[in-house]
C-alpha atoms as a PDB file:
ATOM      1  CA  UNK A   1     177.632  61.538  39.363  1.00  0.00           C
ATOM      2  CA  UNK A   2     174.552  59.797  37.733  1.00  0.00           C
ATOM      3  CA  UNK A   3     171.950  61.715  38.062  1.00  0.00           C
ATOM      4  CA  UNK A   4     174.067  64.711  37.037  1.00  0.00           C
ATOM      5  CA  UNK A   5     174.149  62.988  33.255  1.00  0.00           C
ATOM      6  CA  UNK A   6     170.691  62.332  33.879  1.00  0.00           C
ATOM      7  CA  UNK A   7     169.782  65.658  34.111  1.00  0.00           C
ATOM      8  CA  UNK A   8     172.491  67.055  30.925  1.00  0.00           C
ATOM      9  CA  UNK A   9     170.040  64.380  28.674  1.00  0.00           C
ATOM     10  CA  UNK A  10     167.459  65.503  30.362  1.00  0.00           C
ATOM     11  CA  UNK A  11     167.840  69.266  29.244  1.00  0.00           C
ATOM     12  CA  UNK A  12     169.355  68.287  26.294  1.00  0.00           C
ATOM     13  CA  UNK A  13     166.263  66.501  24.668  1.00  0.00           C
ATOM     14  CA  UNK A  14     164.563  69.495  26.319  1.00  0.00           C
ATOM     15  CA  UNK A  15     166.554  71.553  24.195  1.00  0.00           C
ATOM     16  CA  UNK A  16     166.388  69.776  20.823  1.00  0.00           C
ATOM     17  CA  UNK A  17     162.477  69.367  21.115  1.00  0.00           C
ATOM     18  CA  UNK A  18     160.643  72.227  19.915  1.00  0.00           C
ATOM     19  CA  UNK A  19     157.116  71.202  18.495  1.00  0.00           C
ATOM     20  CA  UNK A  20     156.861  74.248  16.393  1.00  0.00           C
ATOM     21  CA  UNK A  21     159.598  73.299  13.961  1.00  0.00           C
ATOM     22  CA  UNK A  22     158.040  70.597  13.734  1.00  0.00           C
ATOM     23  CA  UNK A  23     154.957  70.674  12.986  1.00  0.00           C
ATOM     24  CA  UNK A  24     156.531  73.565   9.916  1.00  0.00           C
ATOM     25  CA  UNK A  25     158.414  70.573   8.975  1.00  0.00           C
ATOM     26  CA  UNK A  26     155.976  67.885   9.287  1.00  0.00           C
ATOM     27  CA  UNK A  27     153.173  70.814   6.605  1.00  0.00           C
ATOM     28  CA  UNK A  28     156.125  71.932   4.629  1.00  0.00           C
ATOM     29  CA  UNK A  29     154.872  69.152   2.148  1.00  0.00           C
ATOM     30  CA  UNK A  30     151.162  69.718   2.582  1.00  0.00           C
ATOM     31  CA  UNK A  31     149.806  71.974  -0.369  1.00  0.00           C
ATOM     32  CA  UNK A  32     146.934  73.647   2.382  1.00  0.00           C
ATOM     33  CA  UNK A  33     151.159  74.761   3.467  1.00  0.00           C
ATOM     34  CA  UNK A  34     152.155  76.911   0.513  1.00  0.00           C
ATOM     35  CA  UNK A  35     150.601  80.796  -0.545  1.00  0.00           C
ATOM     36  CA  UNK A  36     149.631  81.478  -3.758  1.00  0.00           C
ATOM     37  CA  UNK A  37     151.172  84.734  -4.993  1.00  0.00           C
ATOM     38  CA  UNK A  38     147.371  85.430  -6.178  1.00  0.00           C
ATOM     39  CA  UNK A  39     146.687  85.657  -1.821  1.00  0.00           C
ATOM     40  CA  UNK A  40     150.431  88.153  -1.045  1.00  0.00           C
ATOM     41  CA  UNK A  41     148.618  90.309  -4.079  1.00  0.00           C
ATOM     42  CA  UNK A  42     144.740  90.962  -3.488  1.00  0.00           C
ATOM     43  CA  UNK A  43     146.050  91.016   0.405  1.00  0.00           C
ATOM     44  CA  UNK A  44     148.646  93.933  -1.235  1.00  0.00           C
ATOM     45  CA  UNK A  45     145.140  95.584  -2.209  1.00  0.00           C
ATOM     46  CA  UNK A  46     143.161  94.546   0.389  1.00  0.00           C
ATOM     47  CA  UNK A  47     146.008  96.718   2.719  1.00  0.00           C
ATOM     48  CA  UNK A  48     146.283  99.748   0.633  1.00  0.00           C
ATOM     49  CA  UNK A  49     141.902  99.963   0.323  1.00  0.00           C
ATOM     50  CA  UNK A  50     142.013 100.068   3.714  1.00  0.00           C
ATOM     51  CA  UNK A  51     144.957 103.098   4.325  1.00  0.00           C
ATOM     52  CA  UNK A  52     142.982 104.348   1.570  1.00  0.00           C
ATOM     53  CA  UNK A  53     139.443 104.635   3.319  1.00  0.00           C
ATOM     54  CA  UNK A  54     141.239 105.342   6.796  1.00  0.00           C
ATOM     55  CA  UNK A  55     143.119 108.489   5.053  1.00  0.00           C
ATOM     56  CA  UNK A  56     138.813 109.145   4.028  1.00  0.00           C
ATOM     57  CA  UNK A  57     137.914 108.971   7.379  1.00  0.00           C
ATOM     58  CA  UNK A  58     140.563 111.682   8.587  1.00  0.00           C
ATOM     59  CA  UNK A  59     139.606 114.072   5.614  1.00  0.00           C
ATOM     60  CA  UNK A  60     135.985 113.451   6.738  1.00  0.00           C
ATOM     61  CA  UNK A  61     136.970 114.091  10.778  1.00  0.00           C
ATOM     62  CA  UNK A  62     139.468 117.233   9.984  1.00  0.00           C
ATOM     63  CA  UNK A  63     136.357 119.917   8.515  1.00  0.00           C
ATOM     64  CA  UNK A  64     134.773 121.513  11.028  1.00  0.00           C
ATOM     65  CA  UNK A  65     130.844 121.128  11.101  1.00  0.00           C
ATOM     66  CA  UNK A  66     128.963 118.420  10.773  1.00  0.00           C
ATOM     67  CA  UNK A  67     127.106 120.203   7.731  1.00  0.00           C
ATOM     68  CA  UNK A  68     131.293 120.101   6.196  1.00  0.00           C
ATOM     69  CA  UNK A  69     131.078 116.144   6.884  1.00  0.00           C
ATOM     70  CA  UNK A  70     128.146 115.240   5.600  1.00  0.00           C
ATOM     71  CA  UNK A  71     128.485 117.318   2.226  1.00  0.00           C
ATOM     72  CA  UNK A  72     132.867 115.892   1.601  1.00  0.00           C
ATOM     73  CA  UNK A  73     130.688 112.333   2.234  1.00  0.00           C
ATOM     74  CA  UNK A  74     128.353 113.240  -0.052  1.00  0.00           C
ATOM     75  CA  UNK A  75     130.555 115.196  -3.533  1.00  0.00           C
ATOM     76  CA  UNK A  76     132.839 111.948  -2.631  1.00  0.00           C
ATOM     77  CA  UNK A  77     129.752 108.731  -3.098  1.00  0.00           C
ATOM     78  CA  UNK A  78     128.165 110.503  -6.088  1.00  0.00           C
ATOM     79  CA  UNK A  79     131.807 111.413  -7.535  1.00  0.00           C
ATOM     80  CA  UNK A  80     132.317 107.461  -6.836  1.00  0.00           C
ATOM     81  CA  UNK A  81     128.989 107.120  -8.850  1.00  0.00           C
ATOM     82  CA  UNK A  82     129.877 108.434 -11.211  1.00  0.00           C
ATOM     83  CA  UNK A  83     132.719 107.011 -12.089  1.00  0.00           C
ATOM     84  CA  UNK A  84     131.625 104.023 -11.988  1.00  0.00           C
ATOM     85  CA  UNK A  85     128.511 104.421 -14.777  1.00  0.00           C
ATOM     86  CA  UNK A  86     131.270 106.047 -16.402  1.00  0.00           C
ATOM     87  CA  UNK A  87     133.716 103.409 -16.702  1.00  0.00           C
ATOM     88  CA  UNK A  88     130.859 100.843 -17.064  1.00  0.00           C
ATOM     89  CA  UNK A  89     130.456 103.080 -20.390  1.00  0.00           C
ATOM     90  CA  UNK A  90     132.856 102.860 -22.030  1.00  0.00           C
ATOM     91  CA  UNK A  91     134.223  99.112 -20.616  1.00  0.00           C
ATOM     92  CA  UNK A  92     130.709  97.714 -22.864  1.00  0.00           C
ATOM     93  CA  UNK A  93     131.946 101.097 -25.662  1.00  0.00           C
ATOM     94  CA  UNK A  94     135.747  99.450 -25.572  1.00  0.00           C
ATOM     95  CA  UNK A  95     134.201  95.611 -25.973  1.00  0.00           C
ATOM     96  CA  UNK A  96     131.895  96.482 -28.721  1.00  0.00           C
ATOM     97  CA  UNK A  97     134.836  98.742 -30.559  1.00  0.00           C
ATOM     98  CA  UNK A  98     136.783  95.346 -30.491  1.00  0.00           C
ATOM     99  CA  UNK A  99     134.057  93.268 -32.161  1.00  0.00           C
ATOM    100  CA  UNK A 100     133.968  95.359 -34.506  1.00  0.00           C
ATOM    101  CA  UNK A 101     137.762  95.247 -35.539  1.00  0.00           C
ATOM    102  CA  UNK A 102     137.375  91.781 -36.102  1.00  0.00           C
ATOM    103  CA  UNK A 103     139.161  90.329 -32.046  1.00  0.00           C
ATOM    104  CA  UNK A 104     138.314  87.821 -30.620  1.00  0.00           C
ATOM    105  CA  UNK A 105     135.112  89.141 -28.055  1.00  0.00           C
ATOM    106  CA  UNK A 106     132.182  86.706 -27.004  1.00  0.00           C
ATOM    107  CA  UNK A 107     128.865  88.671 -27.989  1.00  0.00           C
ATOM    108  CA  UNK A 108     127.631  87.485 -24.101  1.00  0.00           C
ATOM    109  CA  UNK A 109     129.902  89.214 -22.692  1.00  0.00           C
ATOM    110  CA  UNK A 110     129.270  91.941 -25.008  1.00  0.00           C
ATOM    111  CA  UNK A 111     125.737  92.322 -24.969  1.00  0.00           C
ATOM    112  CA  UNK A 112     125.588  91.619 -20.414  1.00  0.00           C
ATOM    113  CA  UNK A 113     128.459  95.311 -20.992  1.00  0.00           C
ATOM    114  CA  UNK A 114     125.979  96.555 -22.938  1.00  0.00           C
ATOM    115  CA  UNK A 115     123.065  96.412 -20.951  1.00  0.00           C
ATOM    116  CA  UNK A 116     124.357  96.802 -17.576  1.00  0.00           C
ATOM    117  CA  UNK A 117     126.636 100.101 -18.945  1.00  0.00           C
ATOM    118  CA  UNK A 118     122.332 101.245 -19.560  1.00  0.00           C
ATOM    119  CA  UNK A 119     120.572 100.194 -16.489  1.00  0.00           C
ATOM    120  CA  UNK A 120     123.110 102.022 -14.716  1.00  0.00           C
ATOM    121  CA  UNK A 121     123.073 105.162 -16.897  1.00  0.00           C
ATOM    122  CA  UNK A 122     119.592 104.739 -15.948  1.00  0.00           C
ATOM    123  CA  UNK A 123     119.182 104.111 -12.261  1.00  0.00           C
ATOM    124  CA  UNK A 124     122.484 107.046 -12.548  1.00  0.00           C
ATOM    125  CA  UNK A 125     119.044 109.939 -14.048  1.00  0.00           C
ATOM    126  CA  UNK A 126     116.776 108.540 -11.488  1.00  0.00           C
ATOM    127  CA  UNK A 127     118.449 109.032  -8.974  1.00  0.00           C
ATOM    128  CA  UNK A 128     119.101 112.222 -10.504  1.00  0.00           C
ATOM    129  CA  UNK A 129     115.127 112.308 -10.770  1.00  0.00           C
ATOM    130  CA  UNK A 130     114.787 111.911  -7.357  1.00  0.00           C
ATOM    131  CA  UNK A 131     117.311 114.795  -5.952  1.00  0.00           C
ATOM    132  CA  UNK A 132     116.108 117.443  -7.894  1.00  0.00           C
ATOM    133  CA  UNK A 133     112.841 116.855  -6.785  1.00  0.00           C
ATOM    134  CA  UNK A 134     113.357 116.865  -3.247  1.00  0.00           C
ATOM    135  CA  UNK A 135     115.005 119.549  -3.765  1.00  0.00           C
ATOM    136  CA  UNK A 136     112.157 121.593  -5.112  1.00  0.00           C
ATOM    137  CA  UNK A 137     110.357 119.594  -2.401  1.00  0.00           C
ATOM    138  CA  UNK A 138     112.117 121.861   0.172  1.00  0.00           C
ATOM    139  CA  UNK A 139     112.289 125.110  -1.915  1.00  0.00           C
ATOM    140  CA  UNK A 140     108.616 125.193  -2.028  1.00  0.00           C
ATOM    141  CA  UNK A 141     108.440 124.447   1.946  1.00  0.00           C
ATOM    142  CA  UNK A 142     107.417 126.990   4.235  1.00  0.00           C
ATOM    143  CA  UNK A 143     108.447 127.667   7.347  1.00  0.00           C
END
């Protein structure tokens, strides 16, 4: 009879012992255990970007030839690049207009944004010139 009581006590102790729950209770007071809300937003944004990229990859798989896939990737790259150049130019213009209206805008930020816009525009022009040059070279090749 004492053996059964002993076994029952052991089983009850084993059922109460939950190392994960004890460890979580220990961590709850620490700052490293608490998740920042910005982290959740960043995680959601990264997840959405991954979904968007996978859908772009699926679109490329559905085209019929490697040439079409290359052309679609080239179109997407050029489009994204030009949109980035435009965004930099618009941001620079908005900062300059805010400064002209007398808003509290740091002059260093205005100059940096203007220089980024100028450099990205110059880079886009150089890429355009190189593409045109390569096209003319290929057009003048004799086969």
